[in-house]
Amino acid sequence: MIAIAACDPDSPDARILIEELSAALAALTGDSGKASFAADDTRVARSLFVVARGAAGQALGCAALRPLDDDVGEVKRMFARPGTNGVGAALLAHVEQAAQGLGYRQLWLETRKVNTRAVAFYARHGYSVISNYGKYVGRDDAVCLGRILKATSVVPEQG
């Protein structure tokens, strides 16, 4: 069982997960990615930070969502501890559902091209390469991915 809930990114479990992600990224890409995320980004309207926990309450992974504009949210600090099958997919699904509820029409994210595992993960979940945006424009080492969220249909009440 995986339980996903909102969490303060400065909580002890969240900080440990973020540090594990930063170390893994630094080993893979040479950059921890820390400069691209601030905890306060998840404290503004239409944002969130979540932690996934196992049946015994242990922290398994985390993810963040922050606004880029009215229609686009950005996925940040997406991480599942190695060996925790299904946690990444559960976190991504949770963030996508939350993004829809917050009114976003698209989700965007950036990773490094060398992070082929992440690129393949997002491709399996419907993300496609988009033009590099923001600080990633002109960065040959970066790949930006995006997905249009499914519109939720509202059925008017009969009465």
C-alpha atoms as a PDB file:
ATOM      1  CA  MET A   1       0.000   0.000   0.000  1.00  0.00           C
ATOM      2  CA  ILE A   2       1.211   3.473  -0.914  1.00  0.00           C
ATOM      3  CA  ALA A   3      -0.270   6.502   0.839  1.00  0.00           C
ATOM      4  CA  ILE A   4       0.431   9.937  -0.620  1.00  0.00           C
ATOM      5  CA  ALA A   5      -0.216  13.092   1.363  1.00  0.00           C
ATOM      6  CA  ALA A   6       0.742  16.749   1.433  1.00  0.00           C
ATOM      7  CA  CYS A   7       3.873  17.443   3.435  1.00  0.00           C
ATOM      8  CA  ASP A   8       5.996  20.465   4.274  1.00  0.00           C
ATOM      9  CA  PRO A   9       9.133  20.288   2.102  1.00  0.00           C
ATOM     10  CA  ASP A  10      11.159  21.354   5.126  1.00  0.00           C
ATOM     11  CA  SER A  11       9.956  18.405   7.239  1.00  0.00           C
ATOM     12  CA  PRO A  12      12.660  15.872   8.179  1.00  0.00           C
ATOM     13  CA  ASP A  13      11.355  13.115   5.857  1.00  0.00           C
ATOM     14  CA  ALA A  14      10.987  15.517   2.929  1.00  0.00           C
ATOM     15  CA  ARG A  15      14.485  16.924   3.447  1.00  0.00           C
ATOM     16  CA  ILE A  16      15.981  13.410   3.497  1.00  0.00           C
ATOM     17  CA  LEU A  17      14.184  12.474   0.268  1.00  0.00           C
ATOM     18  CA  ILE A  18      15.216  15.718  -1.429  1.00  0.00           C
ATOM     19  CA  GLU A  19      18.844  15.150  -0.384  1.00  0.00           C
ATOM     20  CA  GLU A  20      18.746  11.579  -1.732  1.00  0.00           C
ATOM     21  CA  LEU A  21      17.395  12.882  -5.035  1.00  0.00           C
ATOM     22  CA  SER A  22      20.016  15.635  -5.154  1.00  0.00           C
ATOM     23  CA  ALA A  23      22.825  13.131  -4.545  1.00  0.00           C
ATOM     24  CA  ALA A  24      21.494  10.782  -7.235  1.00  0.00           C
ATOM     25  CA  LEU A  25      21.201  13.642  -9.749  1.00  0.00           C
ATOM     26  CA  ALA A  26      24.692  14.926  -8.926  1.00  0.00           C
ATOM     27  CA  ALA A  27      26.154  11.456  -9.476  1.00  0.00           C
ATOM     28  CA  LEU A  28      24.311  11.048 -12.799  1.00  0.00           C
ATOM     29  CA  THR A  29      24.436  14.548 -14.255  1.00  0.00           C
ATOM     30  CA  GLY A  30      27.056  16.457 -12.284  1.00  0.00           C
ATOM     31  CA  ASP A  31      24.374  18.823 -10.939  1.00  0.00           C
ATOM     32  CA  SER A  32      22.171  18.222  -7.898  1.00  0.00           C
ATOM     33  CA  GLY A  33      19.308  20.302  -9.256  1.00  0.00           C
ATOM     34  CA  LYS A  34      19.051  22.159  -5.946  1.00  0.00           C
ATOM     35  CA  ALA A  35      19.231  25.540  -7.673  1.00  0.00           C
ATOM     36  CA  SER A  36      16.008  24.757  -9.562  1.00  0.00           C
ATOM     37  CA  PHE A  37      13.823  24.215  -6.506  1.00  0.00           C
ATOM     38  CA  ALA A  38      12.901  26.313  -3.498  1.00  0.00           C
ATOM     39  CA  ALA A  39      10.612  25.024  -0.764  1.00  0.00           C
ATOM     40  CA  ASP A  40       8.679  28.300  -0.896  1.00  0.00           C
ATOM     41  CA  ASP A  41       7.657  27.444  -4.478  1.00  0.00           C
ATOM     42  CA  THR A  42       5.300  24.880  -2.949  1.00  0.00           C
ATOM     43  CA  ARG A  43       3.785  27.353  -0.518  1.00  0.00           C
ATOM     44  CA  VAL A  44       2.099  29.562  -3.095  1.00  0.00           C
ATOM     45  CA  ALA A  45      -1.402  29.160  -4.474  1.00  0.00           C
ATOM     46  CA  ARG A  46      -1.929  26.194  -6.809  1.00  0.00           C
ATOM     47  CA  SER A  47       1.164  24.329  -5.652  1.00  0.00           C
ATOM     48  CA  LEU A  48       1.914  21.321  -3.493  1.00  0.00           C
ATOM     49  CA  PHE A  49       4.573  19.052  -2.104  1.00  0.00           C
ATOM     50  CA  VAL A  50       3.710  15.429  -1.342  1.00  0.00           C
ATOM     51  CA  VAL A  51       5.425  12.434   0.221  1.00  0.00           C
ATOM     52  CA  ALA A  52       4.586   8.813  -0.537  1.00  0.00           C
ATOM     53  CA  ARG A  53       4.688   6.403   2.400  1.00  0.00           C
ATOM     54  CA  GLY A  54       4.617   2.648   2.684  1.00  0.00           C
ATOM     55  CA  ALA A  55       2.341   0.552   4.893  1.00  0.00           C
ATOM     56  CA  ALA A  56       4.648   1.015   7.885  1.00  0.00           C
ATOM     57  CA  GLY A  57       4.750   4.803   7.383  1.00  0.00           C
ATOM     58  CA  GLN A  58       8.220   4.881   5.875  1.00  0.00           C
ATOM     59  CA  ALA A  59       8.934   7.654   3.353  1.00  0.00           C
ATOM     60  CA  LEU A  60       9.273   6.198  -0.154  1.00  0.00           C
ATOM     61  CA  GLY A  61       9.326   9.216  -2.446  1.00  0.00           C
ATOM     62  CA  CYS A  62       8.249  12.779  -3.069  1.00  0.00           C
ATOM     63  CA  ALA A  63       7.043  15.190  -5.731  1.00  0.00           C
ATOM     64  CA  ALA A  64       6.264  18.875  -6.070  1.00  0.00           C
ATOM     65  CA  LEU A  65       4.013  20.973  -8.271  1.00  0.00           C
ATOM     66  CA  ARG A  66       4.339  24.690  -8.827  1.00  0.00           C
ATOM     67  CA  PRO A  67       2.632  27.132 -11.194  1.00  0.00           C
ATOM     68  CA  LEU A  68       4.309  28.334 -14.380  1.00  0.00           C
ATOM     69  CA  ASP A  69       1.229  30.224 -15.599  1.00  0.00           C
ATOM     70  CA  ASP A  70      -2.548  29.955 -15.401  1.00  0.00           C
ATOM     71  CA  ASP A  71      -2.690  26.832 -17.567  1.00  0.00           C
ATOM     72  CA  VAL A  72       0.673  25.162 -16.897  1.00  0.00           C
ATOM     73  CA  GLY A  73       2.008  23.557 -13.751  1.00  0.00           C
ATOM     74  CA  GLU A  74       5.583  22.335 -13.376  1.00  0.00           C
ATOM     75  CA  VAL A  75       6.545  19.011 -11.807  1.00  0.00           C
ATOM     76  CA  LYS A  76       9.616  19.313  -9.579  1.00  0.00           C
ATOM     77  CA  ARG A  77      11.636  17.095  -7.210  1.00  0.00           C
ATOM     78  CA  MET A  78       9.988  13.905  -8.429  1.00  0.00           C
ATOM     79  CA  PHE A  79      11.742  11.023  -6.672  1.00  0.00           C
ATOM     80  CA  ALA A  80      11.087   7.432  -5.684  1.00  0.00           C
ATOM     81  CA  ARG A  81      13.623   5.536  -3.644  1.00  0.00           C
ATOM     82  CA  PRO A  82      15.261   2.676  -5.563  1.00  0.00           C
ATOM     83  CA  GLY A  83      13.448  -0.614  -5.200  1.00  0.00           C
ATOM     84  CA  THR A  84      10.077   0.954  -4.426  1.00  0.00           C
ATOM     85  CA  ASN A  85       8.171  -0.357  -7.424  1.00  0.00           C
ATOM     86  CA  GLY A  86       5.118   1.665  -8.371  1.00  0.00           C
ATOM     87  CA  VAL A  87       5.915   4.654  -6.177  1.00  0.00           C
ATOM     88  CA  GLY A  88       6.975   6.926  -9.030  1.00  0.00           C
ATOM     89  CA  ALA A  89       3.849   6.127 -11.037  1.00  0.00           C
ATOM     90  CA  ALA A  90       1.649   6.667  -7.975  1.00  0.00           C
ATOM     91  CA  LEU A  91       3.296  10.017  -7.237  1.00  0.00           C
ATOM     92  CA  LEU A  92       2.949  11.183 -10.832  1.00  0.00           C
ATOM     93  CA  ALA A  93      -0.715  10.145 -10.972  1.00  0.00           C
ATOM     94  CA  HIS A  94      -1.347  11.984  -7.692  1.00  0.00           C
ATOM     95  CA  VAL A  95       0.318  15.167  -8.958  1.00  0.00           C
ATOM     96  CA  GLU A  96      -1.583  14.981 -12.253  1.00  0.00           C
ATOM     97  CA  GLN A  97      -4.910  14.587 -10.463  1.00  0.00           C
ATOM     98  CA  ALA A  98      -4.082  17.444  -8.096  1.00  0.00           C
ATOM     99  CA  ALA A  99      -3.023  19.619 -11.049  1.00  0.00           C
ATOM    100  CA  GLN A 100      -6.379  19.029 -12.739  1.00  0.00           C
ATOM    101  CA  GLY A 101      -8.146  19.967  -9.530  1.00  0.00           C
ATOM    102  CA  LEU A 102      -6.088  23.156  -9.361  1.00  0.00           C
ATOM    103  CA  GLY A 103      -7.151  24.099 -12.878  1.00  0.00           C
ATOM    104  CA  TYR A 104      -4.005  23.319 -14.852  1.00  0.00           C
ATOM    105  CA  ARG A 105      -4.403  22.123 -18.427  1.00  0.00           C
ATOM    106  CA  GLN A 106      -0.802  21.002 -18.904  1.00  0.00           C
ATOM    107  CA  LEU A 107       2.124  19.769 -16.871  1.00  0.00           C
ATOM    108  CA  TRP A 108       5.702  20.492 -17.868  1.00  0.00           C
ATOM    109  CA  LEU A 109       9.002  19.358 -16.427  1.00  0.00           C
ATOM    110  CA  GLU A 110      12.704  19.298 -17.162  1.00  0.00           C
ATOM    111  CA  THR A 111      15.311  16.638 -16.741  1.00  0.00           C
ATOM    112  CA  ARG A 112      18.714  16.061 -18.231  1.00  0.00           C
ATOM    113  CA  LYS A 113      19.052  14.127 -21.469  1.00  0.00           C
ATOM    114  CA  VAL A 114      21.573  11.848 -19.763  1.00  0.00           C
ATOM    115  CA  ASN A 115      18.841  10.832 -17.299  1.00  0.00           C
ATOM    116  CA  THR A 116      17.461   8.310 -19.779  1.00  0.00           C
ATOM    117  CA  ARG A 117      15.613   6.400 -17.064  1.00  0.00           C
ATOM    118  CA  ALA A 118      13.560   9.482 -16.167  1.00  0.00           C
ATOM    119  CA  VAL A 119      12.950  10.378 -19.816  1.00  0.00           C
ATOM    120  CA  ALA A 120      11.679   6.836 -20.484  1.00  0.00           C
ATOM    121  CA  PHE A 121       9.506   6.912 -17.327  1.00  0.00           C
ATOM    122  CA  TYR A 122       7.773  10.109 -18.384  1.00  0.00           C
ATOM    123  CA  ALA A 123       7.360   8.877 -21.977  1.00  0.00           C
ATOM    124  CA  ARG A 124       5.603   5.741 -20.632  1.00  0.00           C
ATOM    125  CA  HIS A 125       3.222   8.062 -18.781  1.00  0.00           C
ATOM    126  CA  GLY A 126       2.240  10.157 -21.786  1.00  0.00           C
ATOM    127  CA  TYR A 127       4.800  12.948 -21.690  1.00  0.00           C
ATOM    128  CA  SER A 128       6.329  14.192 -24.934  1.00  0.00           C
ATOM    129  CA  VAL A 129       9.337  16.363 -25.669  1.00  0.00           C
ATOM    130  CA  ILE A 130       8.421  20.066 -25.801  1.00  0.00           C
ATOM    131  CA  SER A 131      10.505  23.140 -26.541  1.00  0.00           C
ATOM    132  CA  ASN A 132      12.811  24.049 -23.695  1.00  0.00           C
ATOM    133  CA  TYR A 133      11.198  26.731 -21.548  1.00  0.00           C
ATOM    134  CA  GLY A 134      12.359  29.308 -19.017  1.00  0.00           C
ATOM    135  CA  LYS A 135      15.902  28.875 -17.787  1.00  0.00           C
ATOM    136  CA  TYR A 136      16.285  25.728 -19.902  1.00  0.00           C
ATOM    137  CA  VAL A 137      16.132  27.584 -23.243  1.00  0.00           C
ATOM    138  CA  GLY A 138      19.430  27.073 -25.046  1.00  0.00           C
ATOM    139  CA  ARG A 139      20.546  24.312 -22.680  1.00  0.00           C
ATOM    140  CA  ASP A 140      21.619  21.377 -24.842  1.00  0.00           C
ATOM    141  CA  ASP A 141      21.911  19.103 -21.795  1.00  0.00           C
ATOM    142  CA  ALA A 142      18.267  19.673 -20.812  1.00  0.00           C
ATOM    143  CA  VAL A 143      15.158  18.012 -22.171  1.00  0.00           C
ATOM    144  CA  CYS A 144      11.737  19.423 -21.385  1.00  0.00           C
ATOM    145  CA  LEU A 145       8.654  17.244 -21.409  1.00  0.00           C
ATOM    146  CA  GLY A 146       4.981  18.049 -21.251  1.00  0.00           C
ATOM    147  CA  ARG A 147       1.580  16.487 -21.133  1.00  0.00           C
ATOM    148  CA  ILE A 148      -1.874  17.842 -21.763  1.00  0.00           C
ATOM    149  CA  LEU A 149      -4.113  16.817 -18.897  1.00  0.00           C
ATOM    150  CA  LYS A 150      -7.395  15.146 -19.681  1.00  0.00           C
ATOM    151  CA  ALA A 151     -10.331  17.493 -19.378  1.00  0.00           C
ATOM    152  CA  THR A 152     -12.682  16.538 -16.614  1.00  0.00           C
ATOM    153  CA  SER A 153     -16.250  16.606 -17.716  1.00  0.00           C
ATOM    154  CA  VAL A 154     -18.870  18.029 -15.453  1.00  0.00           C
ATOM    155  CA  VAL A 155     -22.359  16.623 -15.772  1.00  0.00           C
ATOM    156  CA  PRO A 156     -24.987  19.192 -14.862  1.00  0.00           C
ATOM    157  CA  GLU A 157     -27.411  18.121 -12.197  1.00  0.00           C
ATOM    158  CA  GLN A 158     -30.905  17.348 -13.357  1.00  0.00           C
ATOM    159  CA  GLY A 159     -33.589  18.857 -11.267  1.00  0.00           C
END
